[in-house]
Amino acid sequence: MQGRSRAAALLLVLGIAACAGAPTSEPARGPQVSLPLHLAWFEGAQVHYVTTDVSDAAMARDLGVNHVALLANAASPAGSPPGTRTAVDLVYAFPGGEQINVFASAPAPAGPDNANRAYSPLWQVVVVRWAEGRGVRALTSEEAVLDAAEKGDVSITRTRIVVNCPVVRSADGRALRGVR
């Protein structure tokens, strides 16, 4: 019986390897896609990401991406404090357009050498609104957003909206294969 288990495991590994294809330093030569590239802040540096799926129908329509209602089920429970770690991380979004989003995590670096075990491409949207009469300034990290909220400069509201936005170029400039 042990021989069968080993054989089954070997077949599984070979099957996964066959699906992955041969590693190369060049982008695949087959069909390719082009997705809009977006910028976000992470710990004071900019990263690039793409958006493919959103749990909110209206947002999905506005962005021209897949509406995936089931993603909302991945949201952190109501009342979870910032910094609570799950498979979904937080993205701080500014609906007034004052600045680009702020990510709570990012791969370090992007690609197969990522060592940041806290990174996830699934994000629960936290809406950030500037308080009236407060000076708008760039908030370039989760810490800066939370500090601004503590000072009353902004209000933050956790939504049930979850988006799939993988980081494709990390702050150090390293990018996934095929990203130009």
C-alpha atoms as a PDB file:
ATOM      1  CA  MET A   1       0.000   0.000   0.000  1.00  0.00           C
ATOM      2  CA  GLN A   2       2.873   2.364   0.791  1.00  0.00           C
ATOM      3  CA  GLY A   3       4.229   1.915  -2.754  1.00  0.00           C
ATOM      4  CA  ARG A   4       0.880   3.027  -4.196  1.00  0.00           C
ATOM      5  CA  SER A   5       0.850   6.141  -1.997  1.00  0.00           C
ATOM      6  CA  ARG A   6       4.351   7.048  -3.126  1.00  0.00           C
ATOM      7  CA  ALA A   7       3.409   6.476  -6.771  1.00  0.00           C
ATOM      8  CA  ALA A   8       0.272   8.598  -6.384  1.00  0.00           C
ATOM      9  CA  ALA A   9       2.288  11.394  -4.762  1.00  0.00           C
ATOM     10  CA  LEU A  10       4.854  11.271  -7.567  1.00  0.00           C
ATOM     11  CA  LEU A  11       2.095  11.469 -10.197  1.00  0.00           C
ATOM     12  CA  LEU A  12       0.582  14.444  -8.388  1.00  0.00           C
ATOM     13  CA  VAL A  13       3.930  16.279  -8.317  1.00  0.00           C
ATOM     14  CA  LEU A  14       4.575  15.501 -11.984  1.00  0.00           C
ATOM     15  CA  GLY A  15       1.075  16.663 -12.894  1.00  0.00           C
ATOM     16  CA  ILE A  16       1.541  19.956 -11.079  1.00  0.00           C
ATOM     17  CA  ALA A  17       4.945  20.452 -12.717  1.00  0.00           C
ATOM     18  CA  ALA A  18       3.477  19.738 -16.151  1.00  0.00           C
ATOM     19  CA  CYS A  19       0.770  22.365 -15.603  1.00  0.00           C
ATOM     20  CA  ALA A  20       3.313  24.933 -14.478  1.00  0.00           C
ATOM     21  CA  GLY A  21       5.373  24.612 -17.644  1.00  0.00           C
ATOM     22  CA  ALA A  22       9.105  24.964 -17.950  1.00  0.00           C
ATOM     23  CA  PRO A  23      10.605  27.913 -16.073  1.00  0.00           C
ATOM     24  CA  THR A  24      12.030  30.571 -18.339  1.00  0.00           C
ATOM     25  CA  SER A  25      13.300  34.091 -17.925  1.00  0.00           C
ATOM     26  CA  GLU A  26      11.247  35.227 -20.922  1.00  0.00           C
ATOM     27  CA  PRO A  27       7.494  35.868 -21.003  1.00  0.00           C
ATOM     28  CA  ALA A  28       5.356  33.111 -22.500  1.00  0.00           C
ATOM     29  CA  ARG A  29       5.153  33.259 -26.284  1.00  0.00           C
ATOM     30  CA  GLY A  30       1.525  32.144 -26.445  1.00  0.00           C
ATOM     31  CA  PRO A  31      -1.586  34.291 -26.085  1.00  0.00           C
ATOM     32  CA  GLN A  32      -1.219  37.173 -23.647  1.00  0.00           C
ATOM     33  CA  VAL A  33      -3.505  39.670 -21.949  1.00  0.00           C
ATOM     34  CA  SER A  34      -3.167  43.321 -21.171  1.00  0.00           C
ATOM     35  CA  LEU A  35      -4.608  44.694 -17.929  1.00  0.00           C
ATOM     36  CA  PRO A  36      -4.535  48.251 -16.590  1.00  0.00           C
ATOM     37  CA  LEU A  37      -1.656  48.750 -14.174  1.00  0.00           C
ATOM     38  CA  HIS A  38      -2.423  50.698 -10.979  1.00  0.00           C
ATOM     39  CA  LEU A  39      -0.238  52.303  -8.318  1.00  0.00           C
ATOM     40  CA  ALA A  40      -0.625  51.964  -4.543  1.00  0.00           C
ATOM     41  CA  TRP A  41       1.420  52.976  -1.540  1.00  0.00           C
ATOM     42  CA  PHE A  42       3.023  50.392   0.726  1.00  0.00           C
ATOM     43  CA  GLU A  43       5.268  51.520   3.593  1.00  0.00           C
ATOM     44  CA  GLY A  44       6.241  54.756   1.858  1.00  0.00           C
ATOM     45  CA  ALA A  45       7.010  53.250  -1.553  1.00  0.00           C
ATOM     46  CA  GLN A  46       4.864  52.676  -4.611  1.00  0.00           C
ATOM     47  CA  VAL A  47       3.903  49.235  -5.884  1.00  0.00           C
ATOM     48  CA  HIS A  48       2.061  48.234  -9.069  1.00  0.00           C
ATOM     49  CA  TYR A  49      -1.001  45.999  -9.117  1.00  0.00           C
ATOM     50  CA  VAL A  50      -3.795  44.751 -11.361  1.00  0.00           C
ATOM     51  CA  THR A  51      -7.449  44.235 -10.488  1.00  0.00           C
ATOM     52  CA  THR A  52      -9.301  41.177 -11.757  1.00  0.00           C
ATOM     53  CA  ASP A  53     -12.258  40.543  -9.412  1.00  0.00           C
ATOM     54  CA  VAL A  54     -14.540  42.519  -7.075  1.00  0.00           C
ATOM     55  CA  SER A  55     -17.318  41.358  -4.749  1.00  0.00           C
ATOM     56  CA  ASP A  56     -19.401  44.519  -5.348  1.00  0.00           C
ATOM     57  CA  ALA A  57     -21.399  44.526  -8.619  1.00  0.00           C
ATOM     58  CA  ALA A  58     -21.348  48.298  -9.150  1.00  0.00           C
ATOM     59  CA  MET A  59     -17.606  48.539  -8.498  1.00  0.00           C
ATOM     60  CA  ALA A  60     -16.954  45.594 -10.830  1.00  0.00           C
ATOM     61  CA  ARG A  61     -18.968  47.327 -13.553  1.00  0.00           C
ATOM     62  CA  ASP A  62     -17.109  50.632 -13.013  1.00  0.00           C
ATOM     63  CA  LEU A  63     -13.726  48.900 -13.179  1.00  0.00           C
ATOM     64  CA  GLY A  64     -14.648  46.510 -16.002  1.00  0.00           C
ATOM     65  CA  VAL A  65     -13.616  43.426 -14.000  1.00  0.00           C
ATOM     66  CA  ASN A  66     -15.260  40.184 -12.885  1.00  0.00           C
ATOM     67  CA  HIS A  67     -18.076  40.483 -10.362  1.00  0.00           C
ATOM     68  CA  VAL A  68     -17.446  37.696  -7.818  1.00  0.00           C
ATOM     69  CA  ALA A  69     -20.068  37.991  -5.080  1.00  0.00           C
ATOM     70  CA  LEU A  70     -18.505  35.083  -3.150  1.00  0.00           C
ATOM     71  CA  LEU A  71     -15.397  37.166  -2.422  1.00  0.00           C
ATOM     72  CA  ALA A  72     -17.452  39.069   0.176  1.00  0.00           C
ATOM     73  CA  ASN A  73     -17.492  35.862   2.231  1.00  0.00           C
ATOM     74  CA  ALA A  74     -13.735  36.252   2.719  1.00  0.00           C
ATOM     75  CA  ALA A  75     -14.122  39.617   4.480  1.00  0.00           C
ATOM     76  CA  SER A  76     -12.965  39.894   8.080  1.00  0.00           C
ATOM     77  CA  PRO A  77     -15.750  39.745  10.661  1.00  0.00           C
ATOM     78  CA  ALA A  78     -17.381  43.054  11.616  1.00  0.00           C
ATOM     79  CA  GLY A  79     -15.519  44.804  14.406  1.00  0.00           C
ATOM     80  CA  SER A  80     -12.121  43.281  13.584  1.00  0.00           C
ATOM     81  CA  PRO A  81      -9.424  45.809  14.460  1.00  0.00           C
ATOM     82  CA  PRO A  82      -6.946  46.987  11.818  1.00  0.00           C
ATOM     83  CA  GLY A  83      -3.975  44.668  11.790  1.00  0.00           C
ATOM     84  CA  THR A  84      -6.084  41.519  12.211  1.00  0.00           C
ATOM     85  CA  ARG A  85      -4.411  38.974   9.908  1.00  0.00           C
ATOM     86  CA  THR A  86      -6.480  36.646   7.734  1.00  0.00           C
ATOM     87  CA  ALA A  87      -6.192  35.532   4.106  1.00  0.00           C
ATOM     88  CA  VAL A  88      -7.653  38.940   3.267  1.00  0.00           C
ATOM     89  CA  ASP A  89      -5.675  42.080   4.026  1.00  0.00           C
ATOM     90  CA  LEU A  90      -6.803  45.712   4.098  1.00  0.00           C
ATOM     91  CA  VAL A  91      -6.644  48.267   1.321  1.00  0.00           C
ATOM     92  CA  TYR A  92      -7.303  51.889   2.234  1.00  0.00           C
ATOM     93  CA  ALA A  93      -9.232  53.593  -0.565  1.00  0.00           C
ATOM     94  CA  PHE A  94      -9.876  57.318  -0.983  1.00  0.00           C
ATOM     95  CA  PRO A  95     -13.214  57.732  -2.815  1.00  0.00           C
ATOM     96  CA  GLY A  96     -12.629  61.483  -3.159  1.00  0.00           C
ATOM     97  CA  GLY A  97      -9.607  60.751  -5.376  1.00  0.00           C
ATOM     98  CA  GLU A  98      -7.217  62.649  -3.102  1.00  0.00           C
ATOM     99  CA  GLN A  99      -4.588  59.978  -3.550  1.00  0.00           C
ATOM    100  CA  ILE A 100      -3.840  56.420  -4.619  1.00  0.00           C
ATOM    101  CA  ASN A 101      -4.757  53.440  -2.425  1.00  0.00           C
ATOM    102  CA  VAL A 102      -2.643  52.286   0.504  1.00  0.00           C
ATOM    103  CA  PHE A 103      -1.932  48.551   0.883  1.00  0.00           C
ATOM    104  CA  ALA A 104      -1.317  46.943   4.267  1.00  0.00           C
ATOM    105  CA  SER A 105       1.079  44.388   2.755  1.00  0.00           C
ATOM    106  CA  ALA A 106       3.005  43.627  -0.426  1.00  0.00           C
ATOM    107  CA  PRO A 107       5.241  40.830  -1.652  1.00  0.00           C
ATOM    108  CA  ALA A 108       8.922  41.258  -0.856  1.00  0.00           C
ATOM    109  CA  PRO A 109       9.961  40.945  -3.613  1.00  0.00           C
ATOM    110  CA  ALA A 110       7.257  40.275  -6.209  1.00  0.00           C
ATOM    111  CA  GLY A 111       7.586  36.815  -7.709  1.00  0.00           C
ATOM    112  CA  PRO A 112       8.658  33.385  -6.556  1.00  0.00           C
ATOM    113  CA  ASP A 113      11.141  34.756  -3.997  1.00  0.00           C
ATOM    114  CA  ASN A 114       8.423  36.564  -1.994  1.00  0.00           C
ATOM    115  CA  ALA A 115       9.309  36.242   1.693  1.00  0.00           C
ATOM    116  CA  ASN A 116       6.435  38.319   3.108  1.00  0.00           C
ATOM    117  CA  ARG A 117       4.141  35.687   4.596  1.00  0.00           C
ATOM    118  CA  ALA A 118       1.606  38.414   5.537  1.00  0.00           C
ATOM    119  CA  TYR A 119       0.953  39.363   1.893  1.00  0.00           C
ATOM    120  CA  SER A 120      -2.313  38.413   0.220  1.00  0.00           C
ATOM    121  CA  PRO A 121      -3.715  39.597  -3.133  1.00  0.00           C
ATOM    122  CA  LEU A 122      -7.220  39.662  -1.597  1.00  0.00           C
ATOM    123  CA  TRP A 123      -8.134  43.017  -0.082  1.00  0.00           C
ATOM    124  CA  GLN A 124     -11.031  44.167   2.070  1.00  0.00           C
ATOM    125  CA  VAL A 125     -11.799  47.779   1.190  1.00  0.00           C
ATOM    126  CA  VAL A 126     -11.523  50.362   3.964  1.00  0.00           C
ATOM    127  CA  VAL A 127     -12.910  53.750   2.899  1.00  0.00           C
ATOM    128  CA  VAL A 128     -10.858  56.757   4.021  1.00  0.00           C
ATOM    129  CA  ARG A 129     -12.492  60.187   4.052  1.00  0.00           C
ATOM    130  CA  TRP A 130     -10.800  63.432   5.007  1.00  0.00           C
ATOM    131  CA  ALA A 131     -12.444  65.419   7.812  1.00  0.00           C
ATOM    132  CA  GLU A 132     -13.726  68.806   6.738  1.00  0.00           C
ATOM    133  CA  GLY A 133     -11.222  71.557   7.338  1.00  0.00           C
ATOM    134  CA  ARG A 134      -8.282  69.189   7.767  1.00  0.00           C
ATOM    135  CA  GLY A 135      -5.250  69.560   5.537  1.00  0.00           C
ATOM    136  CA  VAL A 136      -5.086  66.856   2.902  1.00  0.00           C
ATOM    137  CA  ARG A 137      -1.661  65.271   2.621  1.00  0.00           C
ATOM    138  CA  ALA A 138      -0.239  62.078   1.165  1.00  0.00           C
ATOM    139  CA  LEU A 139      -0.690  59.049   3.425  1.00  0.00           C
ATOM    140  CA  THR A 140       1.830  56.504   2.185  1.00  0.00           C
ATOM    141  CA  SER A 141       1.473  53.632   4.648  1.00  0.00           C
ATOM    142  CA  GLU A 142      -1.121  51.839   6.761  1.00  0.00           C
ATOM    143  CA  GLU A 143       0.549  53.345   9.825  1.00  0.00           C
ATOM    144  CA  ALA A 144       0.105  56.873   8.399  1.00  0.00           C
ATOM    145  CA  VAL A 145      -3.585  56.224   7.676  1.00  0.00           C
ATOM    146  CA  LEU A 146      -4.214  54.875  11.184  1.00  0.00           C
ATOM    147  CA  ASP A 147      -2.279  57.795  12.720  1.00  0.00           C
ATOM    148  CA  ALA A 148      -4.358  60.291  10.706  1.00  0.00           C
ATOM    149  CA  ALA A 149      -7.539  58.541  11.906  1.00  0.00           C
ATOM    150  CA  GLU A 150      -6.358  58.682  15.522  1.00  0.00           C
ATOM    151  CA  LYS A 151      -5.765  62.446  15.150  1.00  0.00           C
ATOM    152  CA  GLY A 152      -9.241  62.957  13.637  1.00  0.00           C
ATOM    153  CA  ASP A 153      -7.881  64.011  10.238  1.00  0.00           C
ATOM    154  CA  VAL A 154      -9.666  61.144   8.474  1.00  0.00           C
ATOM    155  CA  SER A 155     -12.459  58.703   9.169  1.00  0.00           C
ATOM    156  CA  ILE A 156     -12.028  55.070   8.196  1.00  0.00           C
ATOM    157  CA  THR A 157     -14.895  52.694   7.469  1.00  0.00           C
ATOM    158  CA  ARG A 158     -14.361  48.997   6.829  1.00  0.00           C
ATOM    159  CA  THR A 159     -16.667  47.717   4.083  1.00  0.00           C
ATOM    160  CA  ARG A 160     -17.649  44.147   3.146  1.00  0.00           C
ATOM    161  CA  ILE A 161     -16.187  44.690  -0.359  1.00  0.00           C
ATOM    162  CA  VAL A 162     -13.318  42.347  -1.237  1.00  0.00           C
ATOM    163  CA  VAL A 163     -11.139  42.816  -4.320  1.00  0.00           C
ATOM    164  CA  ASN A 164      -8.529  40.591  -5.958  1.00  0.00           C
ATOM    165  CA  CYS A 165      -5.605  42.885  -6.750  1.00  0.00           C
ATOM    166  CA  PRO A 166      -2.287  41.057  -6.982  1.00  0.00           C
ATOM    167  CA  VAL A 167       0.859  43.181  -6.722  1.00  0.00           C
ATOM    168  CA  VAL A 168       2.860  42.587  -9.901  1.00  0.00           C
ATOM    169  CA  ARG A 169       5.814  44.931  -9.213  1.00  0.00           C
ATOM    170  CA  SER A 170       7.136  45.396  -5.693  1.00  0.00           C
ATOM    171  CA  ALA A 171       8.632  48.556  -4.229  1.00  0.00           C
ATOM    172  CA  ASP A 172      12.150  47.366  -5.102  1.00  0.00           C
ATOM    173  CA  GLY A 173      11.203  47.281  -8.799  1.00  0.00           C
ATOM    174  CA  ARG A 174      11.130  43.490  -9.114  1.00  0.00           C
ATOM    175  CA  ALA A 175       8.192  42.346 -11.197  1.00  0.00           C
ATOM    176  CA  LEU A 176       6.383  39.196 -12.198  1.00  0.00           C
ATOM    177  CA  ARG A 177       7.441  37.629 -15.488  1.00  0.00           C
ATOM    178  CA  GLY A 178       5.839  39.501 -18.396  1.00  0.00           C
ATOM    179  CA  VAL A 179       5.334  42.798 -16.547  1.00  0.00           C
ATOM    180  CA  ARG A 180       6.926  45.617 -18.450  1.00  0.00           C
END
